[in-house]
């Protein structure tokens, strides 16, 4: 399964960046496509299209990790620390590639496809948001592959 290609297709179909990333992991989340799209609808365009907040692709990646490493009990400090570490690592890797994580700043900087995001190269992605989306998916996949419990 090529999750990067799935996310790219979701975006081409009109879904926002967060929806596209999350949709690529539908099979792992236990939620339906409709539920995933509904819960991420407001995260596109840096939250509500404002371009002022966190990139939707980053929000989508963090949401996938939150679903796959859930902390569902208030007193589960170990679970909370686990998902915080995963979210922090995901954000760090995204920022390592693009230098930024806020939607508007990314739009202004327009970081391109490089050897740091091979999925975008492989898919021939040229549009800005498509690059963010497939790279976010690629990072989540890398993180899951590195975790023996999830691989």
Protein backbone atom coordinates (compact mmCIF):
# COMPACT_ATOMS: atom_id res chain seq x y z
CA UNK A 1 0.00 0.00 0.00
CA UNK A 2 1.41 3.36 -1.03
CA UNK A 3 0.08 5.67 1.67
CA UNK A 4 1.85 8.69 0.16
CA UNK A 5 0.02 8.13 -3.14
CA UNK A 6 -3.28 7.66 -1.30
CA UNK A 7 -2.81 10.96 0.55
CA UNK A 8 -1.87 12.69 -2.71
CA UNK A 9 -5.05 11.37 -4.34
CA UNK A 10 -7.19 12.55 -1.43
CA UNK A 11 -5.77 16.06 -1.83
CA UNK A 12 -6.27 16.06 -5.58
CA UNK A 13 -9.89 15.05 -4.92
CA UNK A 14 -10.41 18.19 -2.81
CA UNK A 15 -9.71 17.15 0.77
CA UNK A 16 -7.56 19.45 2.89
CA UNK A 17 -4.02 18.65 4.01
CA UNK A 18 -4.96 17.20 7.40
CA UNK A 19 -7.74 15.09 5.89
CA UNK A 20 -5.41 13.78 3.20
CA UNK A 21 -2.75 12.68 5.68
CA UNK A 22 -5.21 11.05 8.07
CA UNK A 23 -7.14 9.36 5.27
CA UNK A 24 -4.01 7.53 4.17
CA UNK A 25 -3.96 5.69 7.52
CA UNK A 26 -7.65 4.75 7.65
CA UNK A 27 -6.84 1.04 7.75
CA UNK A 28 -4.80 1.45 10.94
CA UNK A 29 -7.06 3.82 12.88
CA UNK A 30 -10.19 1.74 13.38
CA UNK A 31 -12.29 4.69 12.21
CA UNK A 32 -14.23 5.11 9.00
CA UNK A 33 -13.19 7.47 6.23
CA UNK A 34 -16.20 9.63 7.06
CA UNK A 35 -15.21 9.88 10.73
CA UNK A 36 -11.62 10.74 9.86
CA UNK A 37 -12.61 13.38 7.33
CA UNK A 38 -15.13 14.90 9.73
CA UNK A 39 -12.67 15.15 12.62
CA UNK A 40 -9.97 16.80 10.50
CA UNK A 41 -12.12 19.11 8.38
CA UNK A 42 -11.27 22.25 10.32
CA UNK A 43 -7.51 21.72 10.41
CA UNK A 44 -6.80 22.54 6.76
CA UNK A 45 -5.15 25.78 5.79
CA UNK A 46 -3.48 26.24 9.14
CA UNK A 47 -6.81 25.85 11.02
CA UNK A 48 -9.87 27.06 9.22
CA UNK A 49 -8.01 28.40 6.21
CA UNK A 50 -6.37 31.17 8.27
CA UNK A 51 -2.85 30.01 7.31
CA UNK A 52 -1.85 31.35 10.72
CA UNK A 53 -1.41 28.13 12.65
CA UNK A 54 0.21 24.72 12.37
CA UNK A 55 0.34 23.23 8.86
CA UNK A 56 -2.60 20.90 8.24
CA UNK A 57 -0.26 18.12 7.13
CA UNK A 58 1.51 18.37 10.50
CA UNK A 59 -1.83 18.39 12.34
CA UNK A 60 -2.87 15.31 10.39
CA UNK A 61 0.36 13.49 11.19
CA UNK A 62 0.01 14.23 14.90
CA UNK A 63 -3.61 13.07 14.83
CA UNK A 64 -2.61 9.75 13.22
CA UNK A 65 0.05 9.23 15.88
CA UNK A 66 -2.46 10.12 18.60
CA UNK A 67 -4.86 7.49 17.29
CA UNK A 68 -2.13 4.87 17.07
CA UNK A 69 -0.57 5.70 20.47
CA UNK A 70 -3.70 6.64 22.43
CA UNK A 71 -3.75 8.15 25.88
CA UNK A 72 -7.36 7.70 26.94
CA UNK A 73 -7.23 7.80 30.73
CA UNK A 74 -6.64 11.04 32.61
CA UNK A 75 -4.15 9.48 35.01
CA UNK A 76 -2.17 7.64 32.29
CA UNK A 77 0.99 9.73 32.61
CA UNK A 78 3.06 7.13 30.76
CA UNK A 79 0.64 7.23 27.82
CA UNK A 80 0.65 11.01 27.83
CA UNK A 81 4.44 11.15 27.79
CA UNK A 82 4.54 8.53 25.01
CA UNK A 83 2.26 10.47 22.65
CA UNK A 84 3.90 13.79 23.52
CA UNK A 85 7.27 12.28 22.59
CA UNK A 86 5.86 10.90 19.31
CA UNK A 87 4.25 14.24 18.41
CA UNK A 88 7.42 16.15 19.28
CA UNK A 89 9.55 13.78 17.20
CA UNK A 90 7.17 14.01 14.24
CA UNK A 91 7.25 17.82 14.38
CA UNK A 92 11.04 17.80 14.69
CA UNK A 93 11.43 15.63 11.60
CA UNK A 94 9.02 17.75 9.58
CA UNK A 95 10.83 20.92 10.63
CA UNK A 96 14.19 19.32 9.84
CA UNK A 97 13.03 18.87 6.24
CA UNK A 98 11.17 22.14 5.70
CA UNK A 99 12.57 24.47 8.36
CA UNK A 100 9.09 25.51 9.48
CA UNK A 101 5.77 24.06 10.67
CA UNK A 102 3.32 26.98 10.46
CA UNK A 103 1.12 27.02 7.36
CA UNK A 104 1.55 30.67 6.39
CA UNK A 105 5.30 30.61 6.92
CA UNK A 106 5.59 27.47 4.79
CA UNK A 107 3.48 29.08 2.07
CA UNK A 108 5.72 32.13 2.08
CA UNK A 109 8.97 30.14 2.08
CA UNK A 110 7.73 27.58 -0.49
CA UNK A 111 10.29 24.89 0.37
CA UNK A 112 10.62 22.54 -2.56
CA UNK A 113 11.16 18.87 -3.08
CA UNK A 114 14.66 17.69 -2.15
CA UNK A 115 16.45 14.46 -1.37
CA UNK A 116 15.06 14.83 2.16
CA UNK A 117 11.55 13.95 0.98
CA UNK A 118 11.90 11.08 -1.49
CA UNK A 119 8.18 10.26 -1.60
CA UNK A 120 7.49 13.66 -3.16
CA UNK A 121 10.22 12.98 -5.73
CA UNK A 122 8.91 9.49 -6.46
CA UNK A 123 5.35 10.75 -7.00
CA UNK A 124 6.47 13.73 -9.09
CA UNK A 125 4.82 16.16 -6.70
CA UNK A 126 5.29 19.81 -7.58
CA UNK A 127 2.50 21.64 -5.71
CA UNK A 128 3.42 23.06 -2.31
CA UNK A 129 0.72 21.43 -0.17
CA UNK A 130 1.09 18.08 -1.92
CA UNK A 131 4.76 18.14 -0.92
CA UNK A 132 3.83 18.79 2.73
CA UNK A 133 1.19 16.03 2.67
CA UNK A 134 3.25 13.22 1.18
CA UNK A 135 6.22 14.12 3.37
CA UNK A 136 4.06 14.07 6.52
CA UNK A 137 2.78 10.62 5.54
CA UNK A 138 6.33 9.48 4.84
CA UNK A 139 7.48 10.63 8.29
CA UNK A 140 4.63 8.83 10.08
CA UNK A 141 5.42 5.68 8.12
CA UNK A 142 9.09 5.94 9.09
CA UNK A 143 8.20 6.36 12.73
CA UNK A 144 5.87 3.37 12.67
CA UNK A 145 8.51 1.25 10.92
CA UNK A 146 11.01 2.15 13.66
CA UNK A 147 8.64 0.93 16.38
CA UNK A 148 8.82 -2.87 16.78
CA UNK A 149 5.33 -2.87 18.30
CA UNK A 150 3.87 -1.18 15.21
CA UNK A 151 6.03 -2.57 12.41
